[in-house]
Amino acid sequence: MTPPHSDQGFVRMPDAEFEAILTRAAEEGAKRALADVGLDGDEAALDIRDLRSLVDCIRLVRRTAMQTAVRMITTGVMLALLAGIAIKLKIFGGSP
């Protein structure tokens, strides 16, 4: 039995059958992609959770590093201002 053809020579198939073929192809492609990066098998879910946890930790470290840098810069500026005020007011017994 040959599948029905349109007048332009294309093969016609029911929408449900086409959707089933697309779904099966997408699942096979996803499985192949996961296998290519080594995320197939029984431990795949655990590996993905570990990767997400690692990414979250990297984001936390980056955010903490930025906060620390901003605090150090702010402290340095404040110390420089205080030193300038102390010198201007001759608090440390500057020359007369």
N, C-alpha and C. Protein backbone atom coordinates (compact mmCIF):
# COMPACT_ATOMS: atom_id res chain seq x y z
N MET A 1 0.84 -1.17 0.00
CA MET A 1 0.00 0.00 0.00
C MET A 1 0.89 1.24 0.00
N THR A 2 0.62 2.15 -0.87
CA THR A 2 1.39 3.38 -0.96
C THR A 2 0.65 4.49 -0.24
N PRO A 3 1.38 5.38 0.45
CA PRO A 3 0.72 6.49 1.15
C PRO A 3 0.13 7.46 0.15
N PRO A 4 -0.96 8.15 0.51
CA PRO A 4 -1.59 9.10 -0.41
C PRO A 4 -0.67 10.28 -0.68
N HIS A 5 -0.66 10.73 -1.90
CA HIS A 5 0.16 11.86 -2.32
C HIS A 5 -0.74 13.03 -2.69
N SER A 6 -0.20 14.24 -2.50
CA SER A 6 -0.93 15.43 -2.95
C SER A 6 -0.60 15.65 -4.42
N ASP A 7 -1.24 16.63 -5.04
CA ASP A 7 -1.00 16.88 -6.46
C ASP A 7 0.39 17.46 -6.71
N GLN A 8 1.10 17.97 -5.67
CA GLN A 8 2.47 18.44 -5.85
C GLN A 8 3.49 17.32 -5.60
N GLY A 9 3.04 16.15 -5.22
CA GLY A 9 3.96 15.03 -5.01
C GLY A 9 4.34 14.82 -3.56
N PHE A 10 3.80 15.59 -2.64
CA PHE A 10 4.10 15.43 -1.22
C PHE A 10 3.26 14.30 -0.62
N VAL A 11 3.82 13.65 0.39
CA VAL A 11 3.09 12.58 1.08
C VAL A 11 2.19 13.21 2.14
N ARG A 12 0.97 12.72 2.23
CA ARG A 12 0.03 13.21 3.24
C ARG A 12 -0.07 12.18 4.35
N MET A 13 -0.19 12.68 5.58
CA MET A 13 -0.42 11.79 6.71
C MET A 13 -1.29 12.51 7.72
N PRO A 14 -2.00 11.78 8.53
CA PRO A 14 -2.85 12.41 9.54
C PRO A 14 -2.01 13.20 10.55
N ASP A 15 -2.61 14.25 11.11
CA ASP A 15 -1.90 15.10 12.07
C ASP A 15 -1.46 14.32 13.30
N ALA A 16 -2.27 13.42 13.78
CA ALA A 16 -1.93 12.64 14.98
C ALA A 16 -0.69 11.79 14.73
N GLU A 17 -0.61 11.17 13.55
CA GLU A 17 0.55 10.35 13.21
C GLU A 17 1.80 11.22 13.08
N PHE A 18 1.65 12.40 12.48
CA PHE A 18 2.78 13.32 12.33
C PHE A 18 3.29 13.77 13.70
N GLU A 19 2.35 14.10 14.61
CA GLU A 19 2.73 14.51 15.97
C GLU A 19 3.45 13.37 16.70
N ALA A 20 3.00 12.15 16.52
CA ALA A 20 3.64 11.00 17.16
C ALA A 20 5.07 10.82 16.64
N ILE A 21 5.26 10.99 15.34
CA ILE A 21 6.60 10.88 14.76
C ILE A 21 7.51 11.98 15.31
N LEU A 22 6.98 13.21 15.39
CA LEU A 22 7.78 14.32 15.93
C LEU A 22 8.15 14.09 17.38
N THR A 23 7.20 13.60 18.18
CA THR A 23 7.47 13.33 19.59
C THR A 23 8.54 12.27 19.75
N ARG A 24 8.44 11.20 19.00
CA ARG A 24 9.42 10.12 19.08
C ARG A 24 10.80 10.62 18.64
N ALA A 25 10.85 11.42 17.58
CA ALA A 25 12.13 11.95 17.11
C ALA A 25 12.74 12.89 18.14
N ALA A 26 11.92 13.71 18.80
CA ALA A 26 12.43 14.63 19.82
C ALA A 26 12.99 13.85 21.00
N GLU A 27 12.28 12.80 21.43
CA GLU A 27 12.76 11.99 22.55
C GLU A 27 14.08 11.31 22.22
N GLU A 28 14.17 10.74 21.03
CA GLU A 28 15.42 10.07 20.62
C GLU A 28 16.57 11.08 20.53
N GLY A 29 16.27 12.26 19.99
CA GLY A 29 17.31 13.29 19.90
C GLY A 29 17.78 13.74 21.27
N ALA A 30 16.85 13.91 22.21
CA ALA A 30 17.22 14.32 23.56
C ALA A 30 18.06 13.24 24.24
N LYS A 31 17.67 11.98 24.07
CA LYS A 31 18.44 10.88 24.66
C LYS A 31 19.86 10.85 24.08
N ARG A 32 19.98 11.03 22.78
CA ARG A 32 21.28 11.01 22.13
C ARG A 32 22.15 12.18 22.60
N ALA A 33 21.52 13.37 22.74
CA ALA A 33 22.27 14.54 23.20
C ALA A 33 22.77 14.34 24.63
N LEU A 34 21.92 13.80 25.51
CA LEU A 34 22.34 13.54 26.89
C LEU A 34 23.45 12.49 26.93
N ALA A 35 23.34 11.47 26.08
CA ALA A 35 24.38 10.45 26.02
C ALA A 35 25.70 11.03 25.53
N ASP A 36 25.63 11.97 24.59
CA ASP A 36 26.85 12.58 24.06
C ASP A 36 27.62 13.37 25.12
N VAL A 37 26.90 13.98 26.07
CA VAL A 37 27.58 14.75 27.12
C VAL A 37 27.78 13.93 28.39
N GLY A 38 27.42 12.65 28.34
CA GLY A 38 27.67 11.76 29.47
C GLY A 38 26.62 11.83 30.57
N LEU A 39 25.43 12.29 30.25
CA LEU A 39 24.37 12.39 31.26
C LEU A 39 23.27 11.37 31.01
N ASP A 40 23.65 10.16 30.67
CA ASP A 40 22.66 9.11 30.50
C ASP A 40 22.88 8.06 31.59
N GLY A 41 21.92 7.26 31.85
CA GLY A 41 22.05 6.20 32.84
C GLY A 41 21.33 6.53 34.13
N ASP A 42 21.59 5.70 35.13
CA ASP A 42 20.87 5.79 36.40
C ASP A 42 21.28 7.01 37.22
N GLU A 43 22.50 7.46 37.08
CA GLU A 43 23.01 8.56 37.89
C GLU A 43 22.80 9.93 37.24
N ALA A 44 22.08 9.99 36.14
CA ALA A 44 21.94 11.24 35.40
C ALA A 44 21.24 12.32 36.22
N ALA A 45 20.17 11.97 36.90
CA ALA A 45 19.44 12.97 37.70
C ALA A 45 20.32 13.51 38.81
N LEU A 46 21.08 12.64 39.46
CA LEU A 46 21.99 13.08 40.52
C LEU A 46 23.09 13.98 39.96
N ASP A 47 23.61 13.63 38.78
CA ASP A 47 24.63 14.45 38.14
C ASP A 47 24.10 15.85 37.82
N ILE A 48 22.89 15.92 37.32
CA ILE A 48 22.30 17.22 36.97
C ILE A 48 22.07 18.05 38.23
N ARG A 49 21.60 17.41 39.32
CA ARG A 49 21.43 18.13 40.58
C ARG A 49 22.77 18.65 41.09
N ASP A 50 23.81 17.82 40.98
CA ASP A 50 25.14 18.26 41.40
C ASP A 50 25.63 19.44 40.57
N LEU A 51 25.40 19.40 39.27
CA LEU A 51 25.81 20.50 38.40
C LEU A 51 25.07 21.79 38.76
N ARG A 52 23.78 21.68 39.02
CA ARG A 52 23.01 22.86 39.42
C ARG A 52 23.51 23.41 40.75
N SER A 53 23.82 22.52 41.68
CA SER A 53 24.35 22.95 42.97
C SER A 53 25.69 23.65 42.80
N LEU A 54 26.52 23.11 41.92
CA LEU A 54 27.82 23.72 41.66
C LEU A 54 27.66 25.11 41.05
N VAL A 55 26.75 25.27 40.13
CA VAL A 55 26.50 26.58 39.51
C VAL A 55 25.98 27.57 40.56
N ASP A 56 25.09 27.10 41.45
CA ASP A 56 24.60 27.97 42.52
C ASP A 56 25.73 28.41 43.44
N CYS A 57 26.65 27.49 43.75
CA CYS A 57 27.80 27.84 44.59
C CYS A 57 28.70 28.86 43.91
N ILE A 58 28.92 28.69 42.62
CA ILE A 58 29.75 29.65 41.88
C ILE A 58 29.10 31.03 41.90
N ARG A 59 27.80 31.09 41.74
CA ARG A 59 27.10 32.38 41.80
C ARG A 59 27.23 33.01 43.18
N LEU A 60 27.11 32.19 44.23
CA LEU A 60 27.25 32.70 45.60
C LEU A 60 28.65 33.24 45.84
N VAL A 61 29.67 32.51 45.38
CA VAL A 61 31.05 32.96 45.55
C VAL A 61 31.29 34.26 44.79
N ARG A 62 30.76 34.36 43.58
CA ARG A 62 30.93 35.58 42.80
C ARG A 62 30.27 36.78 43.50
N ARG A 63 29.05 36.56 44.00
CA ARG A 63 28.33 37.64 44.69
C ARG A 63 29.07 38.05 45.97
N THR A 64 29.56 37.08 46.73
CA THR A 64 30.29 37.37 47.96
C THR A 64 31.60 38.10 47.66
N ALA A 65 32.28 37.70 46.60
CA ALA A 65 33.52 38.37 46.22
C ALA A 65 33.26 39.82 45.85
N MET A 66 32.20 40.07 45.13
CA MET A 66 31.87 41.45 44.76
C MET A 66 31.52 42.27 45.99
N GLN A 67 30.76 41.71 46.92
CA GLN A 67 30.42 42.42 48.14
C GLN A 67 31.67 42.72 48.95
N THR A 68 32.58 41.78 49.04
CA THR A 68 33.82 41.98 49.78
C THR A 68 34.66 43.07 49.13
N ALA A 69 34.76 43.07 47.82
CA ALA A 69 35.54 44.09 47.12
C ALA A 69 34.94 45.47 47.36
N VAL A 70 33.62 45.58 47.30
CA VAL A 70 32.97 46.88 47.53
C VAL A 70 33.21 47.32 48.97
N ARG A 71 33.13 46.42 49.93
CA ARG A 71 33.38 46.77 51.33
C ARG A 71 34.82 47.23 51.54
N MET A 72 35.78 46.54 50.90
CA MET A 72 37.19 46.93 51.07
C MET A 72 37.43 48.32 50.47
N ILE A 73 36.87 48.57 49.31
CA ILE A 73 37.04 49.89 48.67
C ILE A 73 36.40 50.97 49.53
N THR A 74 35.21 50.70 50.04
CA THR A 74 34.53 51.67 50.89
C THR A 74 35.34 51.93 52.16
N THR A 75 35.86 50.89 52.78
CA THR A 75 36.68 51.06 53.98
C THR A 75 37.94 51.85 53.67
N GLY A 76 38.58 51.59 52.56
CA GLY A 76 39.78 52.33 52.16
C GLY A 76 39.49 53.81 51.97
N VAL A 77 38.37 54.12 51.32
CA VAL A 77 38.00 55.51 51.10
C VAL A 77 37.72 56.20 52.44
N MET A 78 37.01 55.51 53.31
CA MET A 78 36.70 56.08 54.63
C MET A 78 37.98 56.32 55.43
N LEU A 79 38.92 55.38 55.40
CA LEU A 79 40.19 55.56 56.11
C LEU A 79 40.99 56.72 55.54
N ALA A 80 40.98 56.85 54.23
CA ALA A 80 41.70 57.96 53.61
C ALA A 80 41.07 59.29 54.01
N LEU A 81 39.74 59.35 54.05
CA LEU A 81 39.07 60.57 54.49
C LEU A 81 39.39 60.90 55.94
N LEU A 82 39.36 59.88 56.79
CA LEU A 82 39.69 60.11 58.20
C LEU A 82 41.15 60.56 58.37
N ALA A 83 42.06 59.96 57.61
CA ALA A 83 43.46 60.38 57.68
C ALA A 83 43.61 61.82 57.20
N GLY A 84 42.90 62.18 56.15
CA GLY A 84 42.95 63.56 55.65
C GLY A 84 42.41 64.54 56.67
N ILE A 85 41.33 64.18 57.34
CA ILE A 85 40.75 65.04 58.37
C ILE A 85 41.73 65.17 59.53
N ALA A 86 42.34 64.05 59.94
CA ALA A 86 43.28 64.09 61.06
C ALA A 86 44.49 64.97 60.72
N ILE A 87 44.97 64.90 59.52
CA ILE A 87 46.12 65.73 59.13
C ILE A 87 45.71 67.18 59.05
N LYS A 88 44.53 67.44 58.52
CA LYS A 88 44.04 68.83 58.38
C LYS A 88 43.83 69.48 59.75
N LEU A 89 43.32 68.71 60.70
CA LEU A 89 43.07 69.26 62.05
C LEU A 89 44.31 69.16 62.96
N LYS A 90 45.40 68.62 62.43
CA LYS A 90 46.66 68.46 63.16
C LYS A 90 46.46 67.71 64.47
N ILE A 91 45.73 66.64 64.41
CA ILE A 91 45.44 65.84 65.58
C ILE A 91 46.69 65.10 66.06
N PHE A 92 47.56 64.72 65.20
CA PHE A 92 48.73 63.92 65.56
C PHE A 92 49.94 64.81 65.84
N GLY A 93 49.73 66.03 66.19
CA GLY A 93 50.83 66.93 66.59
C GLY A 93 51.72 67.32 65.44
N GLY A 94 51.11 67.79 64.39
CA GLY A 94 51.88 68.25 63.24
C GLY A 94 52.70 69.49 63.58
N SER A 95 53.56 69.91 62.67
CA SER A 95 54.42 71.07 62.91
C SER A 95 53.55 72.32 63.01
N PRO A 96 53.99 73.32 63.81
CA PRO A 96 53.22 74.54 64.04
C PRO A 96 53.12 75.46 62.87
